[in-house]
N, C-alpha and C. Protein backbone atom coordinates (compact mmCIF):
# COMPACT_ATOMS: atom_id res chain seq x y z
N MET A 1 16.17 -6.42 -1.35
CA MET A 1 15.09 -5.69 -1.29
C MET A 1 13.79 -6.48 -1.61
N ALA A 2 12.69 -6.13 -0.89
CA ALA A 2 11.53 -6.84 -1.19
C ALA A 2 10.56 -5.80 -1.79
N LEU A 3 9.72 -6.32 -2.90
CA LEU A 3 8.71 -5.57 -3.47
C LEU A 3 7.46 -5.47 -2.56
N ILE A 4 7.17 -4.13 -2.24
CA ILE A 4 5.79 -3.77 -1.45
C ILE A 4 4.77 -3.50 -2.65
N GLU A 5 3.57 -3.81 -2.43
CA GLU A 5 2.59 -3.55 -3.42
C GLU A 5 1.25 -3.34 -2.72
N PHE A 6 0.61 -2.34 -2.97
CA PHE A 6 -0.66 -1.96 -2.45
C PHE A 6 -1.87 -1.81 -3.45
N GLU A 7 -2.72 -2.37 -3.59
CA GLU A 7 -3.82 -2.27 -4.65
C GLU A 7 -4.79 -1.18 -4.26
N LEU A 8 -4.94 -0.08 -5.13
CA LEU A 8 -5.79 0.95 -4.87
C LEU A 8 -7.14 1.00 -5.07
N GLU A 9 -8.10 1.36 -4.07
CA GLU A 9 -9.49 1.49 -4.40
C GLU A 9 -9.81 3.06 -4.63
N SER A 10 -9.21 3.88 -3.59
CA SER A 10 -9.56 5.35 -3.81
C SER A 10 -8.33 6.14 -3.19
N CYS A 11 -8.49 7.42 -3.57
CA CYS A 11 -7.40 8.25 -2.91
C CYS A 11 -8.01 9.72 -2.75
N THR A 12 -7.67 10.37 -1.73
CA THR A 12 -8.36 11.72 -1.41
C THR A 12 -6.97 12.81 -1.81
N ALA A 13 -7.45 14.00 -1.96
CA ALA A 13 -6.45 15.22 -2.23
C ALA A 13 -5.79 15.32 -1.05
N GLY A 14 -6.11 14.86 0.07
CA GLY A 14 -5.30 14.94 1.32
C GLY A 14 -4.31 13.82 1.49
N GLY A 15 -4.18 12.91 0.46
CA GLY A 15 -3.20 12.02 0.66
C GLY A 15 -3.65 10.78 1.44
N ILE A 16 -4.93 10.51 1.38
CA ILE A 16 -5.44 9.03 2.25
C ILE A 16 -5.75 8.09 1.06
N LEU A 17 -4.80 7.00 1.12
CA LEU A 17 -5.14 5.92 0.24
C LEU A 17 -5.98 4.63 0.78
N THR A 18 -6.94 4.28 0.13
CA THR A 18 -7.61 3.16 0.56
C THR A 18 -7.31 1.80 -0.36
N GLY A 19 -7.44 0.70 0.29
CA GLY A 19 -7.03 -0.45 -0.76
C GLY A 19 -6.72 -1.57 0.10
N ARG A 20 -5.88 -2.51 -0.76
CA ARG A 20 -5.62 -3.73 -0.01
C ARG A 20 -4.10 -3.97 -0.34
N ASN A 21 -3.59 -4.52 0.91
CA ASN A 21 -2.00 -4.86 0.76
C ASN A 21 -1.74 -5.99 0.16
N GLY A 22 -0.49 -6.02 -0.40
CA GLY A 22 -0.06 -7.29 -1.17
C GLY A 22 0.30 -8.30 -0.18
N GLY A 23 1.44 -9.10 -0.66
CA GLY A 23 1.89 -10.15 0.12
C GLY A 23 2.91 -9.96 1.23
N LEU A 24 3.35 -8.76 1.61
CA LEU A 24 4.51 -8.44 2.61
C LEU A 24 3.89 -7.40 3.56
N GLU A 25 4.19 -7.43 4.69
CA GLU A 25 3.77 -6.31 5.84
C GLU A 25 4.28 -5.00 5.16
N LEU A 26 3.39 -4.01 5.41
CA LEU A 26 3.67 -2.67 4.92
C LEU A 26 3.68 -1.75 6.08
N PRO A 27 4.90 -1.42 6.52
CA PRO A 27 5.02 -0.54 7.70
C PRO A 27 5.00 0.81 7.52
N VAL A 28 4.74 1.66 8.41
CA VAL A 28 4.85 3.07 8.33
C VAL A 28 6.37 3.46 7.87
N GLY A 29 6.54 4.50 7.03
CA GLY A 29 7.79 4.63 6.37
C GLY A 29 8.22 4.00 5.11
N THR A 30 7.30 3.07 4.72
CA THR A 30 7.49 2.51 3.15
C THR A 30 7.39 3.70 2.23
N LYS A 31 8.28 3.67 1.31
CA LYS A 31 8.46 4.64 0.37
C LYS A 31 7.97 3.93 -1.14
N PHE A 32 6.96 4.51 -1.51
CA PHE A 32 6.50 4.08 -2.93
C PHE A 32 7.09 4.78 -4.01
N THR A 33 7.41 4.13 -5.12
CA THR A 33 8.25 5.03 -6.19
C THR A 33 7.54 4.74 -7.44
N ALA A 34 6.45 4.19 -7.56
CA ALA A 34 5.78 4.04 -8.92
C ALA A 34 4.12 3.67 -8.64
N VAL A 35 3.54 4.27 -9.56
CA VAL A 35 1.98 4.05 -9.56
C VAL A 35 2.06 3.13 -10.90
N VAL A 36 1.20 1.89 -10.88
CA VAL A 36 1.26 1.02 -11.93
C VAL A 36 -0.12 0.79 -12.13
N ARG A 37 -0.70 0.61 -13.56
CA ARG A 37 -2.02 0.30 -13.95
C ARG A 37 -1.79 -0.97 -14.73
N GLU A 38 -2.57 -2.01 -14.46
CA GLU A 38 -2.58 -3.23 -15.19
C GLU A 38 -4.13 -3.64 -15.70
N ARG A 39 -4.05 -4.30 -16.81
CA ARG A 39 -5.24 -4.75 -17.50
C ARG A 39 -5.39 -6.26 -17.42
N PHE A 40 -6.46 -6.83 -16.91
CA PHE A 40 -6.57 -8.36 -16.94
C PHE A 40 -7.62 -8.74 -17.99
N SER A 41 -7.51 -9.84 -18.49
CA SER A 41 -8.43 -10.35 -19.53
C SER A 41 -9.41 -11.21 -18.81
N GLU A 42 -9.33 -11.53 -17.55
CA GLU A 42 -10.21 -12.15 -16.75
C GLU A 42 -10.26 -11.35 -15.47
N ALA A 43 -11.16 -11.71 -14.57
CA ALA A 43 -11.23 -10.95 -13.12
C ALA A 43 -9.88 -11.12 -12.50
N PRO A 44 -9.20 -10.23 -11.80
CA PRO A 44 -7.92 -10.34 -11.19
C PRO A 44 -8.14 -11.22 -10.06
N GLY A 45 -7.35 -12.12 -9.83
CA GLY A 45 -7.19 -13.03 -8.77
C GLY A 45 -6.03 -14.02 -8.94
N ALA A 46 -6.13 -15.02 -8.23
CA ALA A 46 -4.97 -15.98 -8.14
C ALA A 46 -4.62 -16.50 -9.35
N GLY A 47 -3.38 -16.40 -9.81
CA GLY A 47 -3.01 -17.09 -11.13
C GLY A 47 -3.23 -16.12 -12.24
N ALA A 48 -3.86 -14.80 -12.18
CA ALA A 48 -4.22 -14.11 -13.23
C ALA A 48 -3.24 -13.29 -13.60
N VAL A 49 -2.70 -13.08 -14.78
CA VAL A 49 -1.53 -12.16 -15.15
C VAL A 49 -2.07 -11.08 -15.82
N GLY A 50 -1.72 -9.80 -15.37
CA GLY A 50 -2.11 -8.65 -16.05
C GLY A 50 -1.01 -8.13 -17.04
N ASP A 51 -1.70 -7.25 -18.01
CA ASP A 51 -1.13 -6.67 -19.15
C ASP A 51 -0.74 -5.23 -18.60
N HIS A 52 0.69 -4.71 -18.81
CA HIS A 52 0.94 -3.55 -18.20
C HIS A 52 0.15 -2.43 -19.05
N VAL A 53 -0.28 -1.44 -18.47
CA VAL A 53 -0.89 -0.31 -19.11
C VAL A 53 -0.05 0.87 -19.13
N GLU A 54 0.09 1.21 -17.88
CA GLU A 54 1.12 2.43 -17.44
C GLU A 54 1.89 2.49 -16.29
N SER A 55 2.81 3.06 -16.26
CA SER A 55 3.81 3.30 -15.05
C SER A 55 4.06 4.64 -14.91
N VAL A 56 3.95 5.33 -13.84
CA VAL A 56 4.34 6.62 -13.53
C VAL A 56 5.29 6.73 -12.25
N LEU A 57 6.17 7.52 -12.40
CA LEU A 57 7.12 7.69 -11.02
C LEU A 57 6.68 8.50 -10.26
N VAL A 58 6.71 8.10 -8.81
CA VAL A 58 6.07 8.92 -7.74
C VAL A 58 7.11 8.89 -6.57
N GLU A 59 7.12 9.77 -5.69
CA GLU A 59 7.80 9.61 -4.50
C GLU A 59 6.86 9.90 -3.28
N LEU A 60 6.33 8.92 -2.69
CA LEU A 60 5.42 8.83 -1.70
C LEU A 60 5.91 8.04 -0.48
N VAL A 61 5.72 8.61 0.75
CA VAL A 61 6.24 7.88 2.00
C VAL A 61 4.99 7.84 2.84
N VAL A 62 4.69 6.55 3.49
CA VAL A 62 3.53 6.27 4.24
C VAL A 62 3.91 6.75 5.65
N MET A 63 3.14 7.79 6.07
CA MET A 63 3.24 8.48 7.39
C MET A 63 2.27 7.85 8.43
N GLU A 64 1.07 7.04 7.93
CA GLU A 64 0.36 6.38 9.03
C GLU A 64 -0.35 5.20 8.33
N VAL A 65 -0.75 4.18 9.05
CA VAL A 65 -1.31 3.01 8.61
C VAL A 65 -2.59 2.86 9.44
N GLN A 66 -3.86 2.84 8.90
CA GLN A 66 -5.07 2.46 9.65
C GLN A 66 -5.51 1.30 9.28
N CYS A 67 -6.05 0.25 10.25
CA CYS A 67 -6.34 -0.84 9.90
C CYS A 67 -7.40 -1.22 11.20
N TRP A 68 -8.67 -1.67 10.97
CA TRP A 68 -9.66 -1.84 11.90
C TRP A 68 -9.79 -0.59 12.78
N ASN A 69 -9.94 0.46 12.01
CA ASN A 69 -10.43 1.97 12.48
C ASN A 69 -9.42 2.33 13.69
N GLN A 70 -8.02 1.88 13.64
CA GLN A 70 -7.10 2.39 14.54
C GLN A 70 -5.83 2.45 14.00
N PRO A 71 -5.02 3.34 14.15
CA PRO A 71 -3.44 3.41 13.86
C PRO A 71 -2.73 2.25 14.14
N ILE A 72 -1.97 1.58 13.26
CA ILE A 72 -1.15 0.41 13.44
C ILE A 72 0.26 0.74 12.89
N ALA A 73 1.20 -0.09 13.40
CA ALA A 73 2.56 0.06 12.80
C ALA A 73 2.72 -0.36 11.55
N ALA A 74 1.92 -1.48 11.21
CA ALA A 74 2.06 -1.93 9.63
C ALA A 74 0.91 -2.65 9.17
N ALA A 75 0.52 -2.38 7.96
CA ALA A 75 -0.59 -3.22 7.46
C ALA A 75 -0.18 -4.82 7.24
N PRO A 76 -0.86 -5.70 7.71
CA PRO A 76 -0.51 -7.10 7.55
C PRO A 76 -0.87 -7.41 6.04
N PRO A 77 -0.15 -8.60 5.67
CA PRO A 77 -0.28 -8.88 4.27
C PRO A 77 -1.57 -9.35 3.88
N ALA A 78 -2.07 -8.91 2.67
CA ALA A 78 -3.51 -9.14 2.11
C ALA A 78 -4.64 -8.63 2.94
N TYR A 79 -4.33 -7.59 3.82
CA TYR A 79 -5.50 -6.92 4.46
C TYR A 79 -5.78 -5.57 3.77
N SER A 80 -7.12 -5.15 3.84
CA SER A 80 -7.50 -3.71 3.64
C SER A 80 -7.05 -2.94 4.70
N ALA A 81 -6.54 -1.72 4.19
CA ALA A 81 -6.09 -0.64 5.17
C ALA A 81 -6.31 0.71 4.43
N GLY A 82 -6.08 1.68 5.29
CA GLY A 82 -5.91 3.06 4.83
C GLY A 82 -4.52 3.48 5.09
N LEU A 83 -4.00 4.22 4.15
CA LEU A 83 -2.51 4.91 4.40
C LEU A 83 -2.61 6.34 4.21
N ARG A 84 -2.10 7.02 4.93
CA ARG A 84 -1.82 8.49 4.89
C ARG A 84 -0.41 8.68 4.42
N VAL A 85 -0.32 9.30 3.07
CA VAL A 85 0.88 9.51 2.56
C VAL A 85 1.26 10.81 2.24
N GLU A 86 2.58 10.90 2.19
CA GLU A 86 3.03 12.55 1.55
C GLU A 86 4.08 12.43 0.73
N GLY A 87 4.17 13.40 -0.11
CA GLY A 87 5.19 13.37 -1.19
C GLY A 87 4.85 13.91 -2.47
N GLU A 88 5.61 13.70 -3.44
CA GLU A 88 5.39 14.05 -4.87
C GLU A 88 4.59 12.75 -5.65
N GLY A 89 3.36 13.22 -6.26
CA GLY A 89 2.82 12.22 -7.09
C GLY A 89 1.40 12.07 -6.87
N LEU A 90 0.79 12.66 -6.00
CA LEU A 90 -0.67 12.35 -5.68
C LEU A 90 -1.52 12.60 -6.76
N VAL A 91 -1.25 13.71 -7.44
CA VAL A 91 -2.07 14.00 -8.67
C VAL A 91 -1.93 12.78 -9.71
N LYS A 92 -0.80 12.52 -10.01
CA LYS A 92 -0.66 11.43 -10.85
C LYS A 92 -1.31 10.17 -10.54
N LEU A 93 -1.13 9.82 -9.16
CA LEU A 93 -1.93 8.60 -8.65
C LEU A 93 -3.65 8.76 -8.97
N ALA A 94 -4.00 9.90 -8.62
CA ALA A 94 -5.55 10.23 -8.69
C ALA A 94 -5.78 10.15 -10.26
N GLN A 95 -5.13 10.60 -11.08
CA GLN A 95 -5.32 10.52 -12.50
C GLN A 95 -5.38 9.00 -12.90
N ALA A 96 -4.48 8.03 -12.59
CA ALA A 96 -4.21 6.91 -12.89
C ALA A 96 -5.83 6.04 -12.26
N LEU A 97 -6.06 6.48 -11.27
CA LEU A 97 -7.47 6.02 -10.51
C LEU A 97 -8.44 6.32 -11.49
N GLN A 98 -8.70 7.57 -11.89
CA GLN A 98 -9.83 8.21 -12.65
C GLN A 98 -9.79 7.56 -14.13
N SER A 99 -8.54 7.29 -14.59
CA SER A 99 -8.57 6.67 -15.81
C SER A 99 -8.60 5.21 -15.98
N ARG A 100 -8.77 4.55 -14.85
CA ARG A 100 -8.91 3.16 -14.80
C ARG A 100 -10.05 2.51 -15.47
N GLY A 101 -9.77 1.49 -16.40
CA GLY A 101 -10.80 1.06 -17.09
C GLY A 101 -11.51 -0.21 -16.43
N LYS A 102 -12.29 -0.87 -17.25
CA LYS A 102 -13.02 -2.25 -16.81
C LYS A 102 -11.77 -3.08 -16.77
N ARG A 103 -11.65 -3.86 -15.65
CA ARG A 103 -10.79 -5.04 -15.47
C ARG A 103 -9.50 -4.47 -15.40
N GLU A 104 -9.33 -3.17 -14.97
CA GLU A 104 -7.96 -2.67 -14.75
C GLU A 104 -7.71 -2.46 -13.21
N VAL A 105 -6.61 -2.56 -12.75
CA VAL A 105 -6.15 -2.51 -11.40
C VAL A 105 -4.97 -1.40 -11.32
N VAL A 106 -5.14 -0.63 -10.17
CA VAL A 106 -4.01 0.25 -10.01
C VAL A 106 -3.43 -0.09 -8.71
N TYR A 107 -1.92 0.09 -8.86
CA TYR A 107 -1.13 -0.49 -7.61
C TYR A 107 -0.34 0.78 -7.36
N VAL A 108 0.05 1.00 -5.99
CA VAL A 108 1.39 1.70 -5.66
C VAL A 108 2.39 0.72 -5.51
N ARG A 109 3.69 0.84 -5.83
CA ARG A 109 4.74 -0.20 -5.58
C ARG A 109 5.95 0.49 -5.27
N GLY A 110 6.55 -0.18 -4.19
CA GLY A 110 7.92 0.42 -3.66
C GLY A 110 8.71 -0.73 -3.07
N GLN A 111 9.82 -0.45 -2.47
CA GLN A 111 10.71 -1.54 -2.07
C GLN A 111 10.94 -1.11 -0.57
N ARG A 112 11.39 -2.25 0.19
CA ARG A 112 11.77 -2.20 1.40
C ARG A 112 13.01 -3.19 1.67
N ASP A 113 13.51 -2.83 2.75
CA ASP A 113 14.78 -3.95 2.94
C ASP A 113 14.05 -5.41 3.37
N ALA A 114 14.67 -6.31 3.01
CA ALA A 114 14.11 -7.81 3.29
C ALA A 114 14.27 -8.18 4.78
N GLN A 115 14.92 -7.33 5.54
CA GLN A 115 15.15 -7.46 6.92
C GLN A 115 13.60 -7.37 7.57
N PRO A 116 13.32 -8.34 8.55
CA PRO A 116 12.05 -8.17 9.35
C PRO A 116 11.86 -6.92 9.94
N PHE A 117 10.58 -6.47 9.73
CA PHE A 117 10.25 -5.07 10.40
C PHE A 117 10.14 -5.41 12.11
N HIS A 118 10.76 -4.53 12.77
CA HIS A 118 10.30 -4.64 14.11
C HIS A 118 9.49 -3.45 14.58
N ARG A 119 8.34 -3.75 14.95
CA ARG A 119 7.32 -2.75 15.59
C ARG A 119 7.90 -1.88 16.66
N ALA A 120 8.91 -2.39 17.45
CA ALA A 120 9.30 -1.59 18.45
C ALA A 120 9.95 -0.43 18.09
N ALA A 121 10.46 -0.33 16.88
CA ALA A 121 11.33 0.63 16.12
C ALA A 121 10.44 1.99 15.93
N ILE A 122 9.09 1.69 16.04
CA ILE A 122 8.44 2.96 15.71
C ILE A 122 7.72 3.51 17.06
N ASN A 123 8.11 4.67 17.25
CA ASN A 123 7.85 5.32 18.73
C ASN A 123 6.50 5.82 18.60
N GLY A 124 5.96 5.72 19.91
CA GLY A 124 4.61 6.10 19.87
C GLY A 124 3.33 5.36 19.57
N LEU A 125 3.62 4.24 19.11
CA LEU A 125 2.66 3.30 18.69
C LEU A 125 2.41 2.23 19.70
N ARG A 126 1.25 1.62 19.99
CA ARG A 126 1.08 0.51 20.91
C ARG A 126 1.47 -0.64 20.11
N PRO A 127 1.86 -1.68 21.00
CA PRO A 127 2.17 -2.98 20.32
C PRO A 127 0.96 -3.68 20.13
N LEU A 128 0.99 -4.53 18.94
CA LEU A 128 -0.20 -5.15 18.55
C LEU A 128 -0.74 -6.26 19.66
N ILE A 129 0.29 -6.81 20.21
CA ILE A 129 -0.05 -7.68 21.22
C ILE A 129 0.23 -7.14 22.60
N ALA A 130 -0.90 -7.16 23.51
CA ALA A 130 -0.57 -6.64 24.86
C ALA A 130 0.55 -7.34 25.71
N PRO A 131 1.38 -6.80 26.39
CA PRO A 131 2.52 -7.19 26.98
C PRO A 131 2.10 -8.36 27.89
N HIS A 132 0.86 -8.33 28.39
CA HIS A 132 0.53 -9.25 29.42
C HIS A 132 -0.08 -10.52 28.78
N VAL A 133 -0.19 -10.56 27.48
CA VAL A 133 -0.68 -11.76 26.85
C VAL A 133 0.33 -12.61 26.63
N LYS A 134 0.42 -14.00 26.79
CA LYS A 134 1.36 -14.98 26.67
C LYS A 134 1.16 -15.31 25.27
N ARG A 135 2.41 -15.47 24.58
CA ARG A 135 2.31 -16.08 23.15
C ARG A 135 2.52 -17.47 23.08
């Protein structure tokens, strides 16, 4: 299993999360199981290690990924994106964001199989590379 991590900037009552994806592709169907809040002694960044502040269990499923103002099958690693999620724990997630202090970061975390994600498995979404474009 591979750890999926999405750093949160905001969340709406309707289940729209905005933020930045971590180091792995984040596809539609990803299941988040925890909201984690960490505190950094320095500005978060490369090599900075955060101290655990709080973890809360949730059950959220990514129903849609938006990047570049259009729906896509998966958020690329390290890109900003909007996620529409459904499930249990949106109130807990909003509370973690509201109580976030200075130099604290809130993430949603989950796991997915380490197998490569196949965009063709998602019905109804256009491929990211047009079929006529040579690779």
